[in-house]
Amino acid sequence: MTPTDAQPTYVAVVGTGSDDAVAEALAEALGERLARAGAVVVHGGLGGVMAGVSRGVARVGGISVGLLPGRDRTDANPWVSIAVPTGMGELRNGLVALAGDVVVAVGGEYGTLSEVAFALKVGRPVVGLTTWALRRPDGTDESGIVRASDPDEACELALRLVRRT
């Protein structure tokens, strides 16, 4: 799906929910840039990278959608614009990856890895910012993750990749 003027670009931002000041700061800057570009930012709605990206989006008046693992929308971080409780636990990772026209992974742990893998499996472009390095079983590193060096480049790449799909 290529977004049109009537339908904004949805960017799923995935990353660690744990305290990681560096990843959270990168996510915050990324969220601000994506929101300024008019993207709707989708994420898991909790802490860490999810809180960082939500703060950046909120700072410039953008929209962030948190797909929460539990059943209570009040579990969302305070910067989420729209909180959607799924009651699915970590299985909601697939929903997060599928909700974006493109996925940007910032840092991350195993949950992030599952979101990246699912996005690649369903053909979503993936931009990596200080995230997992994957190799195919044959040893090549042609995983499909496009590397970004900073939040500006991650935003630019994500939006460019959506326009190509």
C-alpha atoms as a PDB file:
ATOM      1  CA  MET A   1       0.000   0.000   0.000  1.00  0.00           C
ATOM      2  CA  THR A   2       1.346   3.390  -0.941  1.00  0.00           C
ATOM      3  CA  PRO A   3      -0.203   6.191   1.119  1.00  0.00           C
ATOM      4  CA  THR A   4      -1.951   8.979  -0.754  1.00  0.00           C
ATOM      5  CA  ASP A   5      -2.648  12.580   0.173  1.00  0.00           C
ATOM      6  CA  ALA A   6      -5.922  11.391   1.713  1.00  0.00           C
ATOM      7  CA  GLN A   7      -4.210   8.643   3.704  1.00  0.00           C
ATOM      8  CA  PRO A   8      -1.116   9.603   5.742  1.00  0.00           C
ATOM      9  CA  THR A   9       1.968   7.444   5.942  1.00  0.00           C
ATOM     10  CA  TYR A  10       1.997   5.159   8.975  1.00  0.00           C
ATOM     11  CA  VAL A  11       5.457   4.497  10.392  1.00  0.00           C
ATOM     12  CA  ALA A  12       5.842   1.736  12.981  1.00  0.00           C
ATOM     13  CA  VAL A  13       8.684   2.492  15.379  1.00  0.00           C
ATOM     14  CA  VAL A  14       9.917  -0.509  17.344  1.00  0.00           C
ATOM     15  CA  GLY A  15      12.570  -0.804  20.006  1.00  0.00           C
ATOM     16  CA  THR A  16      13.334  -1.721  23.564  1.00  0.00           C
ATOM     17  CA  GLY A  17      10.817  -1.084  26.314  1.00  0.00           C
ATOM     18  CA  SER A  18      13.656  -1.075  28.851  1.00  0.00           C
ATOM     19  CA  ASP A  19      15.525   1.956  30.106  1.00  0.00           C
ATOM     20  CA  ASP A  20      18.071   2.805  27.418  1.00  0.00           C
ATOM     21  CA  ALA A  21      18.735   6.533  27.462  1.00  0.00           C
ATOM     22  CA  VAL A  22      20.563   6.531  24.131  1.00  0.00           C
ATOM     23  CA  ALA A  23      17.862   4.601  22.235  1.00  0.00           C
ATOM     24  CA  GLU A  24      15.130   6.657  23.889  1.00  0.00           C
ATOM     25  CA  ALA A  25      16.789   9.941  22.859  1.00  0.00           C
ATOM     26  CA  LEU A  26      17.195   8.701  19.270  1.00  0.00           C
ATOM     27  CA  ALA A  27      13.526   7.656  19.235  1.00  0.00           C
ATOM     28  CA  GLU A  28      12.434  11.036  20.583  1.00  0.00           C
ATOM     29  CA  ALA A  29      14.275  12.884  17.816  1.00  0.00           C
ATOM     30  CA  LEU A  30      12.905  10.431  15.251  1.00  0.00           C
ATOM     31  CA  GLY A  31       9.336  10.897  16.493  1.00  0.00           C
ATOM     32  CA  GLU A  32       9.609  14.652  16.165  1.00  0.00           C
ATOM     33  CA  ARG A  33      10.916  14.408  12.598  1.00  0.00           C
ATOM     34  CA  LEU A  34       8.286  11.862  11.528  1.00  0.00           C
ATOM     35  CA  ALA A  35       5.458  13.947  12.987  1.00  0.00           C
ATOM     36  CA  ARG A  36       6.765  17.101  11.282  1.00  0.00           C
ATOM     37  CA  ALA A  37       6.690  15.142   8.009  1.00  0.00           C
ATOM     38  CA  GLY A  38       3.010  14.313   8.623  1.00  0.00           C
ATOM     39  CA  ALA A  39       3.417  10.629   9.459  1.00  0.00           C
ATOM     40  CA  VAL A  40       1.254   8.786  11.963  1.00  0.00           C
ATOM     41  CA  VAL A  41       3.595   6.922  14.304  1.00  0.00           C
ATOM     42  CA  VAL A  42       2.542   3.482  15.540  1.00  0.00           C
ATOM     43  CA  HIS A  43       4.342   1.678  18.381  1.00  0.00           C
ATOM     44  CA  GLY A  44       3.802  -0.581  21.375  1.00  0.00           C
ATOM     45  CA  GLY A  45       2.628   2.216  23.677  1.00  0.00           C
ATOM     46  CA  LEU A  46       4.757   1.574  26.758  1.00  0.00           C
ATOM     47  CA  GLY A  47       8.180   2.824  27.935  1.00  0.00           C
ATOM     48  CA  GLY A  48      11.702   3.058  26.568  1.00  0.00           C
ATOM     49  CA  VAL A  49      11.826   3.699  22.824  1.00  0.00           C
ATOM     50  CA  MET A  50       8.007   3.793  22.755  1.00  0.00           C
ATOM     51  CA  ALA A  51       7.922   6.621  25.313  1.00  0.00           C
ATOM     52  CA  GLY A  52      10.726   8.451  23.519  1.00  0.00           C
ATOM     53  CA  VAL A  53       9.056   8.372  20.131  1.00  0.00           C
ATOM     54  CA  SER A  54       5.724   9.381  21.706  1.00  0.00           C
ATOM     55  CA  ARG A  55       7.353  12.406  23.376  1.00  0.00           C
ATOM     56  CA  GLY A  56       8.877  13.541  20.111  1.00  0.00           C
ATOM     57  CA  VAL A  57       5.576  13.188  18.265  1.00  0.00           C
ATOM     58  CA  ALA A  58       3.635  14.991  21.022  1.00  0.00           C
ATOM     59  CA  ARG A  59       6.144  17.859  21.149  1.00  0.00           C
ATOM     60  CA  VAL A  60       5.173  18.903  17.616  1.00  0.00           C
ATOM     61  CA  GLY A  61       1.476  18.034  17.824  1.00  0.00           C
ATOM     62  CA  GLY A  62       1.610  14.817  15.792  1.00  0.00           C
ATOM     63  CA  ILE A  63      -0.329  11.582  16.233  1.00  0.00           C
ATOM     64  CA  SER A  64       1.064   8.466  17.858  1.00  0.00           C
ATOM     65  CA  VAL A  65      -0.890   5.240  18.192  1.00  0.00           C
ATOM     66  CA  GLY A  66       0.106   2.819  20.945  1.00  0.00           C
ATOM     67  CA  LEU A  67      -0.942  -0.819  20.446  1.00  0.00           C
ATOM     68  CA  LEU A  68      -0.784  -2.002  24.038  1.00  0.00           C
ATOM     69  CA  PRO A  69      -0.107  -5.582  25.119  1.00  0.00           C
ATOM     70  CA  GLY A  70      -2.708  -5.502  27.896  1.00  0.00           C
ATOM     71  CA  ARG A  71      -6.372  -4.679  28.231  1.00  0.00           C
ATOM     72  CA  ASP A  72      -6.118  -1.302  29.955  1.00  0.00           C
ATOM     73  CA  ARG A  73      -5.539   1.827  27.872  1.00  0.00           C
ATOM     74  CA  THR A  74      -4.288   3.658  30.959  1.00  0.00           C
ATOM     75  CA  ASP A  75      -1.118   1.527  30.743  1.00  0.00           C
ATOM     76  CA  ALA A  76       0.008   3.687  27.811  1.00  0.00           C
ATOM     77  CA  ASN A  77       2.791   6.186  28.326  1.00  0.00           C
ATOM     78  CA  PRO A  78       1.435   9.714  28.873  1.00  0.00           C
ATOM     79  CA  TRP A  79       2.469  11.004  25.418  1.00  0.00           C
ATOM     80  CA  VAL A  80       0.440   8.484  23.377  1.00  0.00           C
ATOM     81  CA  SER A  81      -2.300  10.180  21.327  1.00  0.00           C
ATOM     82  CA  ILE A  82      -4.414   7.065  20.777  1.00  0.00           C
ATOM     83  CA  ALA A  83      -4.086   4.024  23.046  1.00  0.00           C
ATOM     84  CA  VAL A  84      -5.462   0.716  21.765  1.00  0.00           C
ATOM     85  CA  PRO A  85      -5.510  -2.148  24.268  1.00  0.00           C
ATOM     86  CA  THR A  86      -5.104  -5.479  22.470  1.00  0.00           C
ATOM     87  CA  GLY A  87      -5.046  -7.996  25.332  1.00  0.00           C
ATOM     88  CA  MET A  88      -2.558  -9.952  23.205  1.00  0.00           C
ATOM     89  CA  GLY A  89       0.637  -9.598  25.240  1.00  0.00           C
ATOM     90  CA  GLU A  90       3.757  -9.859  23.111  1.00  0.00           C
ATOM     91  CA  LEU A  91       1.712 -11.235  20.230  1.00  0.00           C
ATOM     92  CA  ARG A  92       0.737  -7.629  19.538  1.00  0.00           C
ATOM     93  CA  ASN A  93       4.253  -7.205  18.106  1.00  0.00           C
ATOM     94  CA  GLY A  94       2.934  -8.560  14.811  1.00  0.00           C
ATOM     95  CA  LEU A  95       0.166  -5.968  14.820  1.00  0.00           C
ATOM     96  CA  VAL A  96       2.674  -3.172  15.380  1.00  0.00           C
ATOM     97  CA  ALA A  97       4.845  -4.347  12.474  1.00  0.00           C
ATOM     98  CA  LEU A  98       1.851  -4.795  10.187  1.00  0.00           C
ATOM     99  CA  ALA A  99       0.301  -1.411  11.077  1.00  0.00           C
ATOM    100  CA  GLY A 100       3.174   0.537   9.551  1.00  0.00           C
ATOM    101  CA  ASP A 101       3.763   1.159   5.863  1.00  0.00           C
ATOM    102  CA  VAL A 102       7.407   1.000   6.943  1.00  0.00           C
ATOM    103  CA  VAL A 103       9.098  -0.068  10.193  1.00  0.00           C
ATOM    104  CA  VAL A 104      11.955   1.767  11.912  1.00  0.00           C
ATOM    105  CA  ALA A 105      13.821  -0.254  14.548  1.00  0.00           C
ATOM    106  CA  VAL A 106      15.712   1.729  17.195  1.00  0.00           C
ATOM    107  CA  GLY A 107      17.992  -0.322  19.423  1.00  0.00           C
ATOM    108  CA  GLY A 108      16.088  -3.271  20.734  1.00  0.00           C
ATOM    109  CA  GLU A 109      15.835  -6.586  22.431  1.00  0.00           C
ATOM    110  CA  TYR A 110      14.107  -9.830  21.421  1.00  0.00           C
ATOM    111  CA  GLY A 111      10.691  -8.197  21.078  1.00  0.00           C
ATOM    112  CA  THR A 112      12.194  -5.766  18.576  1.00  0.00           C
ATOM    113  CA  LEU A 113      13.793  -8.652  16.737  1.00  0.00           C
ATOM    114  CA  SER A 114      10.387 -10.337  16.415  1.00  0.00           C
ATOM    115  CA  GLU A 115       8.858  -7.128  15.017  1.00  0.00           C
ATOM    116  CA  VAL A 116      11.689  -6.707  12.504  1.00  0.00           C
ATOM    117  CA  ALA A 117      11.396 -10.350  11.415  1.00  0.00           C
ATOM    118  CA  PHE A 118       7.636 -10.118  11.012  1.00  0.00           C
ATOM    119  CA  ALA A 119       7.914  -6.883   9.006  1.00  0.00           C
ATOM    120  CA  LEU A 120      10.469  -8.468   6.670  1.00  0.00           C
ATOM    121  CA  LYS A 121       8.316 -11.598   6.344  1.00  0.00           C
ATOM    122  CA  VAL A 122       5.275  -9.601   5.178  1.00  0.00           C
ATOM    123  CA  GLY A 123       7.308  -7.357   2.878  1.00  0.00           C
ATOM    124  CA  ARG A 124       7.393  -4.155   4.904  1.00  0.00           C
ATOM    125  CA  PRO A 125      10.524  -2.050   4.411  1.00  0.00           C
ATOM    126  CA  VAL A 126      12.663  -1.863   7.563  1.00  0.00           C
ATOM    127  CA  VAL A 127      15.047   0.914   8.547  1.00  0.00           C
ATOM    128  CA  GLY A 128      17.527   0.147  11.330  1.00  0.00           C
ATOM    129  CA  LEU A 129      18.958   2.742  13.689  1.00  0.00           C
ATOM    130  CA  THR A 130      21.453   1.112  16.090  1.00  0.00           C
ATOM    131  CA  THR A 131      19.498  -2.140  15.958  1.00  0.00           C
ATOM    132  CA  TRP A 132      19.965  -5.825  15.214  1.00  0.00           C
ATOM    133  CA  ALA A 133      22.351  -6.977  12.504  1.00  0.00           C
ATOM    134  CA  LEU A 134      20.886 -10.045  10.833  1.00  0.00           C
ATOM    135  CA  ARG A 135      22.445 -12.645   8.592  1.00  0.00           C
ATOM    136  CA  ARG A 136      20.666 -15.112   6.350  1.00  0.00           C
ATOM    137  CA  PRO A 137      21.315 -18.812   6.966  1.00  0.00           C
ATOM    138  CA  ASP A 138      23.845 -18.803   4.104  1.00  0.00           C
ATOM    139  CA  GLY A 139      25.899 -16.196   5.996  1.00  0.00           C
ATOM    140  CA  THR A 140      25.079 -13.190   3.818  1.00  0.00           C
ATOM    141  CA  ASP A 141      23.904 -10.018   5.480  1.00  0.00           C
ATOM    142  CA  GLU A 142      21.254  -9.229   2.880  1.00  0.00           C
ATOM    143  CA  SER A 143      18.492  -9.186   5.489  1.00  0.00           C
ATOM    144  CA  GLY A 144      16.641  -6.278   3.918  1.00  0.00           C
ATOM    145  CA  ILE A 145      17.280  -3.858   6.782  1.00  0.00           C
ATOM    146  CA  VAL A 146      18.316  -0.452   5.460  1.00  0.00           C
ATOM    147  CA  ARG A 147      20.770   1.169   7.878  1.00  0.00           C
ATOM    148  CA  ALA A 148      20.476   4.754   9.095  1.00  0.00           C
ATOM    149  CA  SER A 149      23.159   6.649  10.981  1.00  0.00           C
ATOM    150  CA  ASP A 150      20.906   9.137  12.809  1.00  0.00           C
ATOM    151  CA  PRO A 151      17.220  10.088  13.293  1.00  0.00           C
ATOM    152  CA  ASP A 152      17.224  12.500  10.329  1.00  0.00           C
ATOM    153  CA  GLU A 153      18.459   9.808   7.964  1.00  0.00           C
ATOM    154  CA  ALA A 154      16.079   7.221   9.465  1.00  0.00           C
ATOM    155  CA  CYS A 155      13.108   9.526   8.806  1.00  0.00           C
ATOM    156  CA  GLU A 156      14.258  10.332   5.280  1.00  0.00           C
ATOM    157  CA  LEU A 157      14.874   6.675   4.420  1.00  0.00           C
ATOM    158  CA  ALA A 158      11.578   5.499   5.901  1.00  0.00           C
ATOM    159  CA  LEU A 159       9.549   8.017   3.926  1.00  0.00           C
ATOM    160  CA  ARG A 160      11.509   7.354   0.733  1.00  0.00           C
ATOM    161  CA  LEU A 161      11.008   3.579   1.076  1.00  0.00           C
ATOM    162  CA  VAL A 162       7.252   4.025   1.481  1.00  0.00           C
ATOM    163  CA  ARG A 163       7.061   6.091  -1.694  1.00  0.00           C
ATOM    164  CA  ARG A 164       8.758   3.258  -3.599  1.00  0.00           C
ATOM    165  CA  THR A 165       6.384   0.511  -2.436  1.00  0.00           C
END
